């Protein structure tokens, strides 16, 4: 479990931190008739304006500014410290995450082969505790498509929707 997660209960902390750092803050309300529109959260300081969909994003954008410390608001100032060599960090992290996910799926399959009763009991316990496919897949940290494949096992037929 994460020590801190992106959630609305962190917004006030982010806003107060930005305020203490001397940013002028404001929010622009979205059109209430547009169900997909988001309020815009803004922070302004030293001629720079930062715009996020929520205070957590806003704090992240300000962190980029604080790290780069540009002297003026020029195009793409935020990328000045971004390395251009490949592989990019984002790609590396995604590759690692996919490999870890594949390993978890393979481990579940191996458990099924080694000890089918224990494997079945674990899947059933997850459904009893969490109740639905989305929560169980999240708890097992496997994609839902792989969980659905697991549920094709005849021993788990009663767990299918």
Protein backbone atom coordinates (compact mmCIF):
# COMPACT_ATOMS: atom_id res chain seq x y z
CA UNK A 1 0.00 0.00 0.00
CA UNK A 2 1.22 3.47 -0.86
CA UNK A 3 2.32 5.84 1.88
CA UNK A 4 0.58 8.67 0.04
CA UNK A 5 -1.75 8.45 -2.93
CA UNK A 6 -3.37 10.86 -5.33
CA UNK A 7 -6.76 11.53 -3.73
CA UNK A 8 -8.93 14.53 -2.99
CA UNK A 9 -8.07 14.24 0.70
CA UNK A 10 -4.56 15.50 -0.18
CA UNK A 11 -5.73 18.59 -2.04
CA UNK A 12 -5.79 20.94 0.95
CA UNK A 13 -2.25 19.93 1.90
CA UNK A 14 -1.05 20.68 -1.64
CA UNK A 15 -2.80 24.04 -1.72
CA UNK A 16 -1.40 25.09 1.65
CA UNK A 17 2.10 24.05 0.57
CA UNK A 18 1.83 26.13 -2.59
CA UNK A 19 0.48 29.07 -0.59
CA UNK A 20 3.39 28.84 1.89
CA UNK A 21 5.79 28.86 -1.08
CA UNK A 22 4.37 32.21 -2.15
CA UNK A 23 2.12 31.17 -5.03
CA UNK A 24 -1.07 33.09 -5.74
CA UNK A 25 -3.78 30.47 -6.05
CA UNK A 26 -7.17 30.48 -7.71
CA UNK A 27 -9.67 28.09 -9.19
CA UNK A 28 -11.71 28.58 -12.35
CA UNK A 29 -14.98 26.71 -12.17
CA UNK A 30 -16.07 24.54 -15.05
CA UNK A 31 -19.42 24.78 -16.77
CA UNK A 32 -21.74 22.87 -14.45
CA UNK A 33 -23.78 21.68 -17.43
CA UNK A 34 -20.74 19.96 -18.97
CA UNK A 35 -20.42 16.66 -17.10
CA UNK A 36 -16.90 16.08 -18.46
CA UNK A 37 -15.47 19.51 -17.71
CA UNK A 38 -13.04 19.90 -14.84
CA UNK A 39 -12.36 22.89 -12.65
CA UNK A 40 -9.00 24.51 -13.40
CA UNK A 41 -6.60 25.02 -10.52
CA UNK A 42 -4.04 27.80 -11.05
CA UNK A 43 -0.90 28.93 -9.27
CA UNK A 44 0.96 32.10 -10.26
CA UNK A 45 4.36 33.40 -9.25
CA UNK A 46 7.11 35.53 -10.83
CA UNK A 47 5.33 35.82 -14.19
CA UNK A 48 4.70 32.08 -14.50
CA UNK A 49 1.26 30.52 -14.43
CA UNK A 50 0.63 26.83 -13.75
CA UNK A 51 -2.64 25.13 -14.60
CA UNK A 52 -3.74 21.71 -13.37
CA UNK A 53 -6.91 19.64 -13.22
CA UNK A 54 -6.47 19.33 -9.46
CA UNK A 55 -4.15 20.64 -6.71
CA UNK A 56 -1.95 17.53 -6.86
CA UNK A 57 -1.22 18.08 -10.55
CA UNK A 58 -0.69 21.76 -9.82
CA UNK A 59 1.92 20.95 -7.17
CA UNK A 60 3.68 18.61 -9.59
CA UNK A 61 3.90 21.31 -12.25
CA UNK A 62 5.26 23.77 -9.71
CA UNK A 63 7.85 21.16 -8.67
CA UNK A 64 9.09 21.10 -12.28
CA UNK A 65 9.36 24.89 -12.21
CA UNK A 66 11.21 24.85 -8.89
CA UNK A 67 13.65 22.25 -10.25
CA UNK A 68 14.35 23.94 -13.60
CA UNK A 69 14.24 27.52 -12.23
CA UNK A 70 13.80 29.27 -15.59
CA UNK A 71 14.55 32.96 -15.75
CA UNK A 72 11.77 33.70 -18.24
CA UNK A 73 8.67 32.01 -19.60
CA UNK A 74 10.02 30.66 -22.91
CA UNK A 75 8.59 27.82 -24.97
CA UNK A 76 9.36 24.40 -23.51
CA UNK A 77 11.38 25.79 -20.59
CA UNK A 78 10.30 22.76 -18.53
CA UNK A 79 12.22 20.35 -20.75
CA UNK A 80 15.59 22.05 -20.27
CA UNK A 81 16.78 19.35 -17.83
CA UNK A 82 15.04 16.49 -19.62
CA UNK A 83 17.56 14.05 -21.07
CA UNK A 84 16.91 13.05 -24.67
CA UNK A 85 18.87 9.78 -24.74
CA UNK A 86 16.99 6.53 -25.14
CA UNK A 87 15.67 4.46 -23.60
CA UNK A 88 13.49 7.01 -21.92
CA UNK A 89 12.74 6.56 -18.26
CA UNK A 90 9.01 6.28 -18.95
CA UNK A 91 9.66 3.42 -21.37
CA UNK A 92 11.95 1.66 -18.89
CA UNK A 93 9.37 1.93 -16.12
CA UNK A 94 6.60 0.65 -18.37
CA UNK A 95 8.76 -2.28 -19.50
CA UNK A 96 9.53 -3.13 -15.86
CA UNK A 97 5.86 -2.88 -14.89
CA UNK A 98 4.79 -5.14 -17.75
CA UNK A 99 7.48 -7.68 -16.87
CA UNK A 100 6.41 -7.66 -13.22
CA UNK A 101 2.77 -8.06 -14.22
CA UNK A 102 3.64 -10.97 -16.51
CA UNK A 103 5.61 -12.55 -13.67
CA UNK A 104 2.60 -12.29 -11.32
CA UNK A 105 0.36 -13.94 -13.93
CA UNK A 106 2.95 -16.70 -14.45
CA UNK A 107 3.26 -17.18 -10.68
CA UNK A 108 -0.51 -17.65 -10.38
CA UNK A 109 -0.39 -20.23 -13.17
CA UNK A 110 2.50 -22.01 -11.44
CA UNK A 111 0.57 -22.08 -8.14
CA UNK A 112 -2.33 -23.67 -9.96
CA UNK A 113 -0.05 -26.44 -11.25
CA UNK A 114 1.80 -27.01 -7.96
CA UNK A 115 -1.08 -26.89 -5.55
CA UNK A 116 -4.49 -26.55 -7.19
CA UNK A 117 -6.41 -26.67 -3.90
CA UNK A 118 -4.38 -23.86 -2.33
CA UNK A 119 -4.59 -21.84 -5.56
CA UNK A 120 -8.37 -22.27 -5.72
CA UNK A 121 -8.76 -21.38 -2.03
CA UNK A 122 -6.75 -18.19 -2.58
CA UNK A 123 -8.87 -17.09 -5.53
CA UNK A 124 -12.08 -17.87 -3.64
CA UNK A 125 -10.86 -16.01 -0.55
CA UNK A 126 -10.09 -12.94 -2.66
CA UNK A 127 -13.62 -12.99 -4.10
CA UNK A 128 -15.18 -13.53 -0.67
CA UNK A 129 -13.22 -10.64 0.80
CA UNK A 130 -13.36 -8.19 -2.09
CA UNK A 131 -16.48 -9.28 -3.91
CA UNK A 132 -15.96 -8.26 -7.52
CA UNK A 133 -13.69 -8.92 -10.46
CA UNK A 134 -12.23 -5.41 -10.59
CA UNK A 135 -11.21 -5.47 -6.91
CA UNK A 136 -9.83 -9.01 -7.06
CA UNK A 137 -7.75 -8.26 -10.16
CA UNK A 138 -6.43 -5.13 -8.48
CA UNK A 139 -5.61 -7.02 -5.29
CA UNK A 140 -3.84 -9.80 -7.21
CA UNK A 141 -2.21 -7.09 -9.35
CA UNK A 142 -3.09 -8.85 -12.58
CA UNK A 143 -5.07 -7.56 -15.56
CA UNK A 144 -8.78 -8.38 -15.54
CA UNK A 145 -8.38 -10.27 -18.81
CA UNK A 146 -6.00 -12.65 -17.03
CA UNK A 147 -8.35 -12.98 -14.08
CA UNK A 148 -11.18 -13.81 -16.48
CA UNK A 149 -8.95 -16.50 -18.02
CA UNK A 150 -8.34 -17.88 -14.52
CA UNK A 151 -12.08 -17.93 -13.91
CA UNK A 152 -12.51 -20.18 -16.96
CA UNK A 153 -11.21 -23.01 -14.79
CA UNK A 154 -14.17 -25.35 -14.18
CA UNK A 155 -13.46 -25.34 -10.43
CA UNK A 156 -14.26 -21.62 -10.36
CA UNK A 157 -17.34 -21.67 -12.58
CA UNK A 158 -19.55 -20.40 -9.74
CA UNK A 159 -17.44 -17.22 -9.44
CA UNK A 160 -18.06 -16.07 -13.00
CA UNK A 161 -20.59 -13.27 -13.52
